[in-house]
Amino acid sequence: MTSEIRRTFYPIVNCADTAKSMEWLERAFGFEPREVHRDDAGNIVHAEMTFDTGILMLGNGEPGKTALYVAVDDPDAHHDRAKAAGAEITAELSDKEYGSRDYAARDLDGNQWYFGTYRP
């Protein structure tokens, strides 16, 4: 009997050149490409790599900045709770083209948090 892993936390690595970083992560550490999403110009806008049972998300952004994606079952209630507690909402709650409902907030130390229904 095989049981499916229900993941909740997904680290996000911001890269100056996502394609180059993916190649290096595969060559140096043995990560395996899982998904790559490109814009109309062919630029990578989101990518995922796996290592054992873990999934790492990669995106274009300022390298070295900490970000974390957290899967939640009720993003609306989660958003309302965060807003009521005074969280700095950096991206309002919205439906995404890939089927998720997400929002983003910054914590007291400036780290970026993304919450939504997407579970790779």
PDB file of N, CA and C in Angstrom:
ATOM      1  N   MET A   1       0.844  -1.176   0.000  1.00  0.00           N
ATOM      2  CA  MET A   1       0.000   0.000   0.000  1.00  0.00           C
ATOM      3  C   MET A   1       0.896   1.249   0.000  1.00  0.00           C
ATOM      4  N   THR A   2       0.634   2.157  -0.912  1.00  0.00           N
ATOM      5  CA  THR A   2       1.400   3.382  -1.008  1.00  0.00           C
ATOM      6  C   THR A   2       0.576   4.533  -0.463  1.00  0.00           C
ATOM      7  N   SER A   3       1.167   5.324   0.420  1.00  0.00           N
ATOM      8  CA  SER A   3       0.454   6.486   0.933  1.00  0.00           C
ATOM      9  C   SER A   3       1.075   7.743   0.335  1.00  0.00           C
ATOM     10  N   GLU A   4       0.239   8.692   0.009  1.00  0.00           N
ATOM     11  CA  GLU A   4       0.696   9.942  -0.578  1.00  0.00           C
ATOM     12  C   GLU A   4       1.200  10.871   0.514  1.00  0.00           C
ATOM     13  N   ILE A   5       2.312  11.540   0.249  1.00  0.00           N
ATOM     14  CA  ILE A   5       2.872  12.497   1.195  1.00  0.00           C
ATOM     15  C   ILE A   5       2.131  13.814   1.042  1.00  0.00           C
ATOM     16  N   ARG A   6       1.627  14.343   2.136  1.00  0.00           N
ATOM     17  CA  ARG A   6       0.948  15.636   2.131  1.00  0.00           C
ATOM     18  C   ARG A   6       1.929  16.666   2.668  1.00  0.00           C
ATOM     19  N   ARG A   7       2.554  17.387   1.749  1.00  0.00           N
ATOM     20  CA  ARG A   7       3.554  18.381   2.120  1.00  0.00           C
ATOM     21  C   ARG A   7       2.867  19.694   2.483  1.00  0.00           C
ATOM     22  N   THR A   8       3.529  20.480   3.320  1.00  0.00           N
ATOM     23  CA  THR A   8       3.000  21.772   3.734  1.00  0.00           C
ATOM     24  C   THR A   8       3.986  22.900   3.469  1.00  0.00           C
ATOM     25  N   PHE A   9       5.268  22.716   3.745  1.00  0.00           N
ATOM     26  CA  PHE A   9       6.266  23.771   3.600  1.00  0.00           C
ATOM     27  C   PHE A   9       7.111  23.546   2.355  1.00  0.00           C
ATOM     28  N   TYR A  10       7.330  24.626   1.605  1.00  0.00           N
ATOM     29  CA  TYR A  10       8.129  24.581   0.385  1.00  0.00           C
ATOM     30  C   TYR A  10       9.113  25.749   0.386  1.00  0.00           C
ATOM     31  N   PRO A  11      10.403  25.495   0.596  1.00  0.00           N
ATOM     32  CA  PRO A  11      11.358  26.593   0.545  1.00  0.00           C
ATOM     33  C   PRO A  11      11.444  27.156  -0.867  1.00  0.00           C
ATOM     34  N   ILE A  12      11.687  28.455  -0.944  1.00  0.00           N
ATOM     35  CA  ILE A  12      11.802  29.150  -2.223  1.00  0.00           C
ATOM     36  C   ILE A  12      13.200  29.752  -2.304  1.00  0.00           C
ATOM     37  N   VAL A  13      13.906  29.443  -3.371  1.00  0.00           N
ATOM     38  CA  VAL A  13      15.225  30.010  -3.606  1.00  0.00           C
ATOM     39  C   VAL A  13      15.108  31.009  -4.746  1.00  0.00           C
ATOM     40  N   ASN A  14      15.461  32.256  -4.467  1.00  0.00           N
ATOM     41  CA  ASN A  14      15.470  33.283  -5.507  1.00  0.00           C
ATOM     42  C   ASN A  14      16.802  33.219  -6.237  1.00  0.00           C
ATOM     43  N   CYS A  15      16.745  33.301  -7.555  1.00  0.00           N
ATOM     44  CA  CYS A  15      17.929  33.140  -8.386  1.00  0.00           C
ATOM     45  C   CYS A  15      18.081  34.314  -9.348  1.00  0.00           C
ATOM     46  N   ALA A  16      19.313  34.717  -9.577  1.00  0.00           N
ATOM     47  CA  ALA A  16      19.577  35.741 -10.585  1.00  0.00           C
ATOM     48  C   ALA A  16      19.346  35.151 -11.974  1.00  0.00           C
ATOM     49  N   ASP A  17      19.670  33.881 -12.162  1.00  0.00           N
ATOM     50  CA  ASP A  17      19.483  33.172 -13.428  1.00  0.00           C
ATOM     51  C   ASP A  17      18.980  31.775 -13.077  1.00  0.00           C
ATOM     52  N   THR A  18      17.658  31.604 -13.100  1.00  0.00           N
ATOM     53  CA  THR A  18      17.045  30.355 -12.643  1.00  0.00           C
ATOM     54  C   THR A  18      17.526  29.152 -13.435  1.00  0.00           C
ATOM     55  N   ALA A  19      17.607  29.264 -14.762  1.00  0.00           N
ATOM     56  CA  ALA A  19      18.048  28.133 -15.585  1.00  0.00           C
ATOM     57  C   ALA A  19      19.462  27.699 -15.207  1.00  0.00           C
ATOM     58  N   LYS A  20      20.354  28.665 -15.042  1.00  0.00           N
ATOM     59  CA  LYS A  20      21.739  28.362 -14.665  1.00  0.00           C
ATOM     60  C   LYS A  20      21.795  27.726 -13.275  1.00  0.00           C
ATOM     61  N   SER A  21      20.990  28.257 -12.347  1.00  0.00           N
ATOM     62  CA  SER A  21      20.953  27.699 -10.989  1.00  0.00           C
ATOM     63  C   SER A  21      20.440  26.273 -10.988  1.00  0.00           C
ATOM     64  N   MET A  22      19.426  25.994 -11.801  1.00  0.00           N
ATOM     65  CA  MET A  22      18.883  24.638 -11.875  1.00  0.00           C
ATOM     66  C   MET A  22      19.938  23.656 -12.384  1.00  0.00           C
ATOM     67  N   GLU A  23      20.645  24.044 -13.426  1.00  0.00           N
ATOM     68  CA  GLU A  23      21.687  23.178 -13.973  1.00  0.00           C
ATOM     69  C   GLU A  23      22.745  22.893 -12.910  1.00  0.00           C
ATOM     70  N   TRP A  24      23.139  23.930 -12.176  1.00  0.00           N
ATOM     71  CA  TRP A  24      24.163  23.766 -11.158  1.00  0.00           C
ATOM     72  C   TRP A  24      23.667  22.907 -10.004  1.00  0.00           C
ATOM     73  N   LEU A  25      22.433  23.134  -9.522  1.00  0.00           N
ATOM     74  CA  LEU A  25      21.877  22.337  -8.424  1.00  0.00           C
ATOM     75  C   LEU A  25      21.801  20.858  -8.792  1.00  0.00           C
ATOM     76  N   GLU A  26      21.499  20.586 -10.054  1.00  0.00           N
ATOM     77  CA  GLU A  26      21.444  19.197 -10.515  1.00  0.00           C
ATOM     78  C   GLU A  26      22.851  18.597 -10.543  1.00  0.00           C
ATOM     79  N   ARG A  27      23.788  19.316 -11.122  1.00  0.00           N
ATOM     80  CA  ARG A  27      25.158  18.826 -11.253  1.00  0.00           C
ATOM     81  C   ARG A  27      25.864  18.716  -9.899  1.00  0.00           C
ATOM     82  N   ALA A  28      25.707  19.715  -9.047  1.00  0.00           N
ATOM     83  CA  ALA A  28      26.448  19.763  -7.787  1.00  0.00           C
ATOM     84  C   ALA A  28      25.818  18.952  -6.669  1.00  0.00           C
ATOM     85  N   PHE A  29      24.493  19.018  -6.539  1.00  0.00           N
ATOM     86  CA  PHE A  29      23.830  18.419  -5.380  1.00  0.00           C
ATOM     87  C   PHE A  29      22.879  17.273  -5.709  1.00  0.00           C
ATOM     88  N   GLY A  30      22.651  17.009  -6.984  1.00  0.00           N
ATOM     89  CA  GLY A  30      21.784  15.898  -7.353  1.00  0.00           C
ATOM     90  C   GLY A  30      20.300  16.197  -7.344  1.00  0.00           C
ATOM     91  N   PHE A  31      19.918  17.472  -7.313  1.00  0.00           N
ATOM     92  CA  PHE A  31      18.502  17.817  -7.429  1.00  0.00           C
ATOM     93  C   PHE A  31      18.012  17.427  -8.822  1.00  0.00           C
ATOM     94  N   GLU A  32      16.739  17.096  -8.932  1.00  0.00           N
ATOM     95  CA  GLU A  32      16.165  16.727 -10.229  1.00  0.00           C
ATOM     96  C   GLU A  32      15.063  17.704 -10.609  1.00  0.00           C
ATOM     97  N   PRO A  33      15.076  18.190 -11.868  1.00  0.00           N
ATOM     98  CA  PRO A  33      14.010  19.096 -12.316  1.00  0.00           C
ATOM     99  C   PRO A  33      12.661  18.389 -12.241  1.00  0.00           C
ATOM    100  N   ARG A  34      11.645  19.109 -11.787  1.00  0.00           N
ATOM    101  CA  ARG A  34      10.292  18.563 -11.673  1.00  0.00           C
ATOM    102  C   ARG A  34       9.334  19.297 -12.605  1.00  0.00           C
ATOM    103  N   GLU A  35       9.340  20.624 -12.537  1.00  0.00           N
ATOM    104  CA  GLU A  35       8.481  21.454 -13.385  1.00  0.00           C
ATOM    105  C   GLU A  35       9.197  22.743 -13.726  1.00  0.00           C
ATOM    106  N   VAL A  36       8.933  23.251 -14.926  1.00  0.00           N
ATOM    107  CA  VAL A  36       9.471  24.549 -15.336  1.00  0.00           C
ATOM    108  C   VAL A  36       8.354  25.281 -16.073  1.00  0.00           C
ATOM    109  N   HIS A  37       8.043  26.484 -15.600  1.00  0.00           N
ATOM    110  CA  HIS A  37       7.022  27.318 -16.238  1.00  0.00           C
ATOM    111  C   HIS A  37       7.705  28.552 -16.808  1.00  0.00           C
ATOM    112  N   ARG A  38       7.407  28.833 -18.074  1.00  0.00           N
ATOM    113  CA  ARG A  38       8.037  29.958 -18.771  1.00  0.00           C
ATOM    114  C   ARG A  38       6.986  30.976 -19.220  1.00  0.00           C
ATOM    115  N   ASP A  39       7.420  32.231 -19.357  1.00  0.00           N
ATOM    116  CA  ASP A  39       6.535  33.254 -19.896  1.00  0.00           C
ATOM    117  C   ASP A  39       6.581  33.199 -21.424  1.00  0.00           C
ATOM    118  N   ASP A  40       5.866  34.089 -22.073  1.00  0.00           N
ATOM    119  CA  ASP A  40       5.795  34.088 -23.534  1.00  0.00           C
ATOM    120  C   ASP A  40       7.151  34.313 -24.199  1.00  0.00           C
ATOM    121  N   ALA A  41       8.064  34.955 -23.495  1.00  0.00           N
ATOM    122  CA  ALA A  41       9.403  35.210 -24.037  1.00  0.00           C
ATOM    123  C   ALA A  41      10.360  34.047 -23.775  1.00  0.00           C
ATOM    124  N   GLY A  42       9.895  33.012 -23.072  1.00  0.00           N
ATOM    125  CA  GLY A  42      10.728  31.853 -22.790  1.00  0.00           C
ATOM    126  C   GLY A  42      11.502  31.931 -21.491  1.00  0.00           C
ATOM    127  N   ASN A  43      11.296  32.982 -20.719  1.00  0.00           N
ATOM    128  CA  ASN A  43      11.980  33.135 -19.435  1.00  0.00           C
ATOM    129  C   ASN A  43      11.306  32.275 -18.371  1.00  0.00           C
ATOM    130  N   ILE A  44      12.089  31.650 -17.518  1.00  0.00           N
ATOM    131  CA  ILE A  44      11.536  30.844 -16.427  1.00  0.00           C
ATOM    132  C   ILE A  44      10.929  31.782 -15.393  1.00  0.00           C
ATOM    133  N   VAL A  45       9.647  31.564 -15.076  1.00  0.00           N
ATOM    134  CA  VAL A  45       8.980  32.365 -14.052  1.00  0.00           C
ATOM    135  C   VAL A  45       8.757  31.568 -12.771  1.00  0.00           C
ATOM    136  N   HIS A  46       8.802  30.254 -12.878  1.00  0.00           N
ATOM    137  CA  HIS A  46       8.652  29.378 -11.710  1.00  0.00           C
ATOM    138  C   HIS A  46       9.209  28.016 -12.085  1.00  0.00           C
ATOM    139  N   ALA A  47       9.925  27.416 -11.149  1.00  0.00           N
ATOM    140  CA  ALA A  47      10.464  26.079 -11.377  1.00  0.00           C
ATOM    141  C   ALA A  47      10.442  25.305 -10.068  1.00  0.00           C
ATOM    142  N   GLU A  48      10.459  23.993 -10.204  1.00  0.00           N
ATOM    143  CA  GLU A  48      10.496  23.122  -9.042  1.00  0.00           C
ATOM    144  C   GLU A  48      11.521  22.028  -9.290  1.00  0.00           C
ATOM    145  N   MET A  49      12.251  21.695  -8.227  1.00  0.00           N
ATOM    146  CA  MET A  49      13.206  20.598  -8.289  1.00  0.00           C
ATOM    147  C   MET A  49      12.962  19.698  -7.079  1.00  0.00           C
ATOM    148  N   THR A  50      13.305  18.425  -7.221  1.00  0.00           N
ATOM    149  CA  THR A  50      13.115  17.484  -6.123  1.00  0.00           C
ATOM    150  C   THR A  50      14.459  16.944  -5.656  1.00  0.00           C
ATOM    151  N   PHE A  51      14.454  16.531  -4.406  1.00  0.00           N
ATOM    152  CA  PHE A  51      15.565  15.796  -3.819  1.00  0.00           C
ATOM    153  C   PHE A  51      14.929  14.860  -2.807  1.00  0.00           C
ATOM    154  N   ASP A  52      15.024  13.568  -3.057  1.00  0.00           N
ATOM    155  CA  ASP A  52      14.362  12.580  -2.224  1.00  0.00           C
ATOM    156  C   ASP A  52      12.870  12.917  -2.176  1.00  0.00           C
ATOM    157  N   THR A  53      12.285  13.147  -1.009  1.00  0.00           N
ATOM    158  CA  THR A  53      10.851  13.463  -0.935  1.00  0.00           C
ATOM    159  C   THR A  53      10.590  14.960  -0.885  1.00  0.00           C
ATOM    160  N   GLY A  54      11.644  15.775  -0.902  1.00  0.00           N
ATOM    161  CA  GLY A  54      11.473  17.216  -0.786  1.00  0.00           C
ATOM    162  C   GLY A  54      11.303  17.904  -2.130  1.00  0.00           C
ATOM    163  N   ILE A  55      10.630  19.043  -2.102  1.00  0.00           N
ATOM    164  CA  ILE A  55      10.437  19.870  -3.287  1.00  0.00           C
ATOM    165  C   ILE A  55      10.961  21.270  -2.978  1.00  0.00           C
ATOM    166  N   LEU A  56      11.771  21.783  -3.875  1.00  0.00           N
ATOM    167  CA  LEU A  56      12.336  23.117  -3.782  1.00  0.00           C
ATOM    168  C   LEU A  56      11.749  23.949  -4.915  1.00  0.00           C
ATOM    169  N   MET A  57      11.252  25.152  -4.593  1.00  0.00           N
ATOM    170  CA  MET A  57      10.749  26.061  -5.619  1.00  0.00           C
ATOM    171  C   MET A  57      11.844  27.068  -5.934  1.00  0.00           C
ATOM    172  N   LEU A  58      11.957  27.444  -7.203  1.00  0.00           N
ATOM    173  CA  LEU A  58      12.934  28.437  -7.627  1.00  0.00           C
ATOM    174  C   LEU A  58      12.231  29.517  -8.438  1.00  0.00           C
ATOM    175  N   GLY A  59      12.696  30.736  -8.269  1.00  0.00           N
ATOM    176  CA  GLY A  59      12.128  31.839  -9.023  1.00  0.00           C
ATOM    177  C   GLY A  59      13.123  32.959  -9.178  1.00  0.00           C
ATOM    178  N   ASN A  60      12.794  33.877 -10.052  1.00  0.00           N
ATOM    179  CA  ASN A  60      13.647  35.035 -10.266  1.00  0.00           C
ATOM    180  C   ASN A  60      13.364  36.053  -9.176  1.00  0.00           C
ATOM    181  N   GLY A  61      14.382  36.507  -8.542  1.00  0.00           N
ATOM    182  CA  GLY A  61      14.244  37.470  -7.466  1.00  0.00           C
ATOM    183  C   GLY A  61      15.611  37.833  -6.945  1.00  0.00           C
ATOM    184  N   GLU A  62      15.622  38.563  -5.861  1.00  0.00           N
ATOM    185  CA  GLU A  62      16.898  38.980  -5.286  1.00  0.00           C
ATOM    186  C   GLU A  62      17.537  37.799  -4.564  1.00  0.00           C
ATOM    187  N   PRO A  63      18.661  37.300  -5.091  1.00  0.00           N
ATOM    188  CA  PRO A  63      19.311  36.152  -4.449  1.00  0.00           C
ATOM    189  C   PRO A  63      19.655  36.454  -2.989  1.00  0.00           C
ATOM    190  N   GLY A  64      19.510  35.426  -2.151  1.00  0.00           N
ATOM    191  CA  GLY A  64      19.850  35.561  -0.750  1.00  0.00           C
ATOM    192  C   GLY A  64      18.693  35.986   0.140  1.00  0.00           C
ATOM    193  N   LYS A  65      17.570  36.349  -0.428  1.00  0.00           N
ATOM    194  CA  LYS A  65      16.394  36.720   0.358  1.00  0.00           C
ATOM    195  C   LYS A  65      15.624  35.454   0.713  1.00  0.00           C
ATOM    196  N   THR A  66      15.174  35.361   1.951  1.00  0.00           N
ATOM    197  CA  THR A  66      14.445  34.190   2.411  1.00  0.00           C
ATOM    198  C   THR A  66      12.976  34.282   2.044  1.00  0.00           C
ATOM    199  N   ALA A  67      12.446  33.189   1.543  1.00  0.00           N
ATOM    200  CA  ALA A  67      11.020  33.104   1.242  1.00  0.00           C
ATOM    201  C   ALA A  67      10.568  31.675   1.500  1.00  0.00           C
ATOM    202  N   LEU A  68       9.305  31.528   1.856  1.00  0.00           N
ATOM    203  CA  LEU A  68       8.756  30.213   2.131  1.00  0.00           C
ATOM    204  C   LEU A  68       7.312  30.176   1.664  1.00  0.00           C
ATOM    205  N   TYR A  69       6.942  29.088   0.983  1.00  0.00           N
ATOM    206  CA  TYR A  69       5.553  28.880   0.579  1.00  0.00           C
ATOM    207  C   TYR A  69       4.950  27.869   1.543  1.00  0.00           C
ATOM    208  N   VAL A  70       3.752  28.174   2.055  1.00  0.00           N
ATOM    209  CA  VAL A  70       3.065  27.288   2.990  1.00  0.00           C
ATOM    210  C   VAL A  70       1.694  26.968   2.412  1.00  0.00           C
ATOM    211  N   ALA A  71       1.426  25.687   2.216  1.00  0.00           N
ATOM    212  CA  ALA A  71       0.120  25.263   1.708  1.00  0.00           C
ATOM    213  C   ALA A  71      -0.894  25.272   2.848  1.00  0.00           C
ATOM    214  N   VAL A  72      -2.028  25.917   2.607  1.00  0.00           N
ATOM    215  CA  VAL A  72      -3.110  25.986   3.594  1.00  0.00           C
ATOM    216  C   VAL A  72      -4.412  25.577   2.927  1.00  0.00           C
ATOM    217  N   ASP A  73      -5.319  25.014   3.706  1.00  0.00           N
ATOM    218  CA  ASP A  73      -6.593  24.559   3.151  1.00  0.00           C
ATOM    219  C   ASP A  73      -7.594  25.690   2.944  1.00  0.00           C
ATOM    220  N   ASP A  74      -7.527  26.739   3.764  1.00  0.00           N
ATOM    221  CA  ASP A  74      -8.479  27.854   3.675  1.00  0.00           C
ATOM    222  C   ASP A  74      -7.713  29.176   3.629  1.00  0.00           C
ATOM    223  N   PRO A  75      -7.237  29.574   2.441  1.00  0.00           N
ATOM    224  CA  PRO A  75      -6.430  30.780   2.350  1.00  0.00           C
ATOM    225  C   PRO A  75      -7.193  32.058   2.705  1.00  0.00           C
ATOM    226  N   ASP A  76      -8.486  32.073   2.499  1.00  0.00           N
ATOM    227  CA  ASP A  76      -9.274  33.266   2.838  1.00  0.00           C
ATOM    228  C   ASP A  76      -9.246  33.521   4.346  1.00  0.00           C
ATOM    229  N   ALA A  77      -9.510  32.481   5.126  1.00  0.00           N
ATOM    230  CA  ALA A  77      -9.498  32.621   6.581  1.00  0.00           C
ATOM    231  C   ALA A  77      -8.082  32.930   7.069  1.00  0.00           C
ATOM    232  N   HIS A  78      -7.089  32.291   6.450  1.00  0.00           N
ATOM    233  CA  HIS A  78      -5.706  32.521   6.840  1.00  0.00           C
ATOM    234  C   HIS A  78      -5.308  33.972   6.571  1.00  0.00           C
ATOM    235  N   HIS A  79      -5.677  34.478   5.420  1.00  0.00           N
ATOM    236  CA  HIS A  79      -5.411  35.874   5.035  1.00  0.00           C
ATOM    237  C   HIS A  79      -6.058  36.838   6.029  1.00  0.00           C
ATOM    238  N   ASP A  80      -7.322  36.590   6.351  1.00  0.00           N
ATOM    239  CA  ASP A  80      -8.044  37.471   7.272  1.00  0.00           C
ATOM    240  C   ASP A  80      -7.383  37.480   8.646  1.00  0.00           C
ATOM    241  N   ARG A  81      -6.938  36.320   9.103  1.00  0.00           N
ATOM    242  CA  ARG A  81      -6.260  36.234  10.404  1.00  0.00           C
ATOM    243  C   ARG A  81      -4.960  37.031  10.387  1.00  0.00           C
ATOM    244  N   ALA A  82      -4.172  36.853   9.328  1.00  0.00           N
ATOM    245  CA  ALA A  82      -2.891  37.562   9.218  1.00  0.00           C
ATOM    246  C   ALA A  82      -3.107  39.073   9.166  1.00  0.00           C
ATOM    247  N   LYS A  83      -4.088  39.489   8.393  1.00  0.00           N
ATOM    248  CA  LYS A  83      -4.376  40.926   8.254  1.00  0.00           C
ATOM    249  C   LYS A  83      -4.844  41.510   9.588  1.00  0.00           C
ATOM    250  N   ALA A  84      -5.696  40.783  10.302  1.00  0.00           N
ATOM    251  CA  ALA A  84      -6.197  41.243  11.601  1.00  0.00           C
ATOM    252  C   ALA A  84      -5.060  41.373  12.622  1.00  0.00           C
ATOM    253  N   ALA A  85      -4.023  40.542  12.460  1.00  0.00           N
ATOM    254  CA  ALA A  85      -2.888  40.590  13.376  1.00  0.00           C
ATOM    255  C   ALA A  85      -1.876  41.663  12.978  1.00  0.00           C
ATOM    256  N   GLY A  86      -2.168  42.381  11.890  1.00  0.00           N
ATOM    257  CA  GLY A  86      -1.302  43.469  11.465  1.00  0.00           C
ATOM    258  C   GLY A  86      -0.187  43.074  10.518  1.00  0.00           C
ATOM    259  N   ALA A  87      -0.291  41.892   9.904  1.00  0.00           N
ATOM    260  CA  ALA A  87       0.733  41.473   8.951  1.00  0.00           C
ATOM    261  C   ALA A  87       0.755  42.412   7.757  1.00  0.00           C
ATOM    262  N   GLU A  88       1.944  42.674   7.248  1.00  0.00           N
ATOM    263  CA  GLU A  88       2.083  43.481   6.034  1.00  0.00           C
ATOM    264  C   GLU A  88       1.773  42.575   4.843  1.00  0.00           C
ATOM    265  N   ILE A  89       0.621  42.780   4.231  1.00  0.00           N
ATOM    266  CA  ILE A  89       0.217  41.980   3.074  1.00  0.00           C
ATOM    267  C   ILE A  89       0.913  42.568   1.847  1.00  0.00           C
ATOM    268  N   THR A  90       1.752  41.785   1.195  1.00  0.00           N
ATOM    269  CA  THR A  90       2.509  42.276   0.044  1.00  0.00           C
ATOM    270  C   THR A  90       1.884  41.887  -1.290  1.00  0.00           C
ATOM    271  N   ALA A  91       0.981  40.917  -1.281  1.00  0.00           N
ATOM    272  CA  ALA A  91       0.209  40.534  -2.468  1.00  0.00           C
ATOM    273  C   ALA A  91      -1.146  40.072  -1.964  1.00  0.00           C
ATOM    274  N   GLU A  92      -2.179  40.765  -2.391  1.00  0.00           N
ATOM    275  CA  GLU A  92      -3.530  40.448  -1.927  1.00  0.00           C
ATOM    276  C   GLU A  92      -3.974  39.065  -2.393  1.00  0.00           C
ATOM    277  N   LEU A  93      -4.896  38.510  -1.692  1.00  0.00           N
ATOM    278  CA  LEU A  93      -5.480  37.210  -1.990  1.00  0.00           C
ATOM    279  C   LEU A  93      -6.044  37.213  -3.406  1.00  0.00           C
ATOM    280  N   SER A  94      -5.661  36.213  -4.202  1.00  0.00           N
ATOM    281  CA  SER A  94      -6.164  36.135  -5.578  1.00  0.00           C
ATOM    282  C   SER A  94      -6.092  34.704  -6.089  1.00  0.00           C
ATOM    283  N   ASP A  95      -6.907  34.438  -7.098  1.00  0.00           N
ATOM    284  CA  ASP A  95      -6.899  33.141  -7.773  1.00  0.00           C
ATOM    285  C   ASP A  95      -5.821  33.169  -8.850  1.00  0.00           C
ATOM    286  N   LYS A  96      -5.024  32.124  -8.920  1.00  0.00           N
ATOM    287  CA  LYS A  96      -3.919  32.041  -9.872  1.00  0.00           C
ATOM    288  C   LYS A  96      -4.302  31.181 -11.057  1.00  0.00           C
ATOM    289  N   GLU A  97      -3.648  31.410 -12.190  1.00  0.00           N
ATOM    290  CA  GLU A  97      -3.950  30.671 -13.407  1.00  0.00           C
ATOM    291  C   GLU A  97      -3.653  29.177 -13.293  1.00  0.00           C
ATOM    292  N   TYR A  98      -2.788  28.801 -12.346  1.00  0.00           N
ATOM    293  CA  TYR A  98      -2.448  27.391 -12.171  1.00  0.00           C
ATOM    294  C   TYR A  98      -3.350  26.703 -11.147  1.00  0.00           C
ATOM    295  N   GLY A  99      -4.419  27.406 -10.718  1.00  0.00           N
ATOM    296  CA  GLY A  99      -5.430  26.779  -9.879  1.00  0.00           C
ATOM    297  C   GLY A  99      -5.323  27.046  -8.392  1.00  0.00           C
ATOM    298  N   SER A 100      -4.323  27.774  -7.957  1.00  0.00           N
ATOM    299  CA  SER A 100      -4.168  28.047  -6.536  1.00  0.00           C
ATOM    300  C   SER A 100      -4.850  29.355  -6.160  1.00  0.00           C
ATOM    301  N   ARG A 101      -5.108  29.512  -4.898  1.00  0.00           N
ATOM    302  CA  ARG A 101      -5.590  30.771  -4.338  1.00  0.00           C
ATOM    303  C   ARG A 101      -4.549  31.182  -3.308  1.00  0.00           C
ATOM    304  N   ASP A 102      -3.876  32.304  -3.550  1.00  0.00           N
ATOM    305  CA  ASP A 102      -2.695  32.686  -2.784  1.00  0.00           C
ATOM    306  C   ASP A 102      -2.749  34.121  -2.288  1.00  0.00           C
ATOM    307  N   TYR A 103      -1.919  34.389  -1.290  1.00  0.00           N
ATOM    308  CA  TYR A 103      -1.580  35.755  -0.896  1.00  0.00           C
ATOM    309  C   TYR A 103      -0.161  35.727  -0.342  1.00  0.00           C
ATOM    310  N   ALA A 104       0.427  36.896  -0.158  1.00  0.00           N
ATOM    311  CA  ALA A 104       1.785  36.978   0.368  1.00  0.00           C
ATOM    312  C   ALA A 104       1.851  38.027   1.467  1.00  0.00           C
ATOM    313  N   ALA A 105       2.746  37.795   2.415  1.00  0.00           N
ATOM    314  CA  ALA A 105       2.932  38.720   3.537  1.00  0.00           C
ATOM    315  C   ALA A 105       4.399  38.728   3.938  1.00  0.00           C
ATOM    316  N   ARG A 106       4.796  39.785   4.624  1.00  0.00           N
ATOM    317  CA  ARG A 106       6.160  39.902   5.122  1.00  0.00           C
ATOM    318  C   ARG A 106       6.110  39.810   6.650  1.00  0.00           C
ATOM    319  N   ASP A 107       7.086  39.097   7.225  1.00  0.00           N
ATOM    320  CA  ASP A 107       7.115  38.984   8.683  1.00  0.00           C
ATOM    321  C   ASP A 107       7.884  40.154   9.296  1.00  0.00           C
ATOM    322  N   LEU A 108       8.036  40.150  10.609  1.00  0.00           N
ATOM    323  CA  LEU A 108       8.675  41.258  11.320  1.00  0.00           C
ATOM    324  C   LEU A 108      10.130  41.469  10.919  1.00  0.00           C
ATOM    325  N   ASP A 109      10.780  40.419  10.401  1.00  0.00           N
ATOM    326  CA  ASP A 109      12.180  40.522  10.005  1.00  0.00           C
ATOM    327  C   ASP A 109      12.368  40.759   8.512  1.00  0.00           C
ATOM    328  N   GLY A 110      11.265  40.941   7.793  1.00  0.00           N
ATOM    329  CA  GLY A 110      11.347  41.217   6.363  1.00  0.00           C
ATOM    330  C   GLY A 110      11.345  39.990   5.474  1.00  0.00           C
ATOM    331  N   ASN A 111      11.187  38.802   6.052  1.00  0.00           N
ATOM    332  CA  ASN A 111      11.116  37.586   5.246  1.00  0.00           C
ATOM    333  C   ASN A 111       9.765  37.507   4.548  1.00  0.00           C
ATOM    334  N   GLN A 112       9.769  36.982   3.328  1.00  0.00           N
ATOM    335  CA  GLN A 112       8.547  36.894   2.529  1.00  0.00           C
ATOM    336  C   GLN A 112       7.889  35.530   2.726  1.00  0.00           C
ATOM    337  N   TRP A 113       6.597  35.534   3.004  1.00  0.00           N
ATOM    338  CA  TRP A 113       5.803  34.316   3.178  1.00  0.00           C
ATOM    339  C   TRP A 113       4.688  34.295   2.150  1.00  0.00           C
ATOM    340  N   TYR A 114       4.500  33.147   1.514  1.00  0.00           N
ATOM    341  CA  TYR A 114       3.407  32.942   0.564  1.00  0.00           C
ATOM    342  C   TYR A 114       2.520  31.843   1.133  1.00  0.00           C
ATOM    343  N   PHE A 115       1.204  32.075   1.122  1.00  0.00           N
ATOM    344  CA  PHE A 115       0.249  31.090   1.617  1.00  0.00           C
ATOM    345  C   PHE A 115      -0.776  30.839   0.526  1.00  0.00           C
ATOM    346  N   GLY A 116      -1.103  29.567   0.290  1.00  0.00           N
ATOM    347  CA  GLY A 116      -2.092  29.254  -0.734  1.00  0.00           C
ATOM    348  C   GLY A 116      -2.412  27.780  -0.789  1.00  0.00           C
ATOM    349  N   THR A 117      -3.268  27.431  -1.719  1.00  0.00           N
ATOM    350  CA  THR A 117      -3.757  26.065  -1.825  1.00  0.00           C
ATOM    351  C   THR A 117      -2.897  25.170  -2.716  1.00  0.00           C
ATOM    352  N   TYR A 118      -1.908  25.735  -3.384  1.00  0.00           N
ATOM    353  CA  TYR A 118      -1.058  24.943  -4.298  1.00  0.00           C
ATOM    354  C   TYR A 118      -0.233  23.938  -3.516  1.00  0.00           C
ATOM    355  N   ARG A 119      -0.296  22.696  -3.930  1.00  0.00           N
ATOM    356  CA  ARG A 119       0.537  21.626  -3.365  1.00  0.00           C
ATOM    357  C   ARG A 119       1.156  20.869  -4.529  1.00  0.00           C
ATOM    358  N   PRO A 120       2.443  21.151  -4.821  1.00  0.00           N
ATOM    359  CA  PRO A 120       3.094  20.478  -5.958  1.00  0.00           C
ATOM    360  C   PRO A 120       3.007  18.968  -5.868  1.00  0.00           C
TER     361      PRO A 120
END
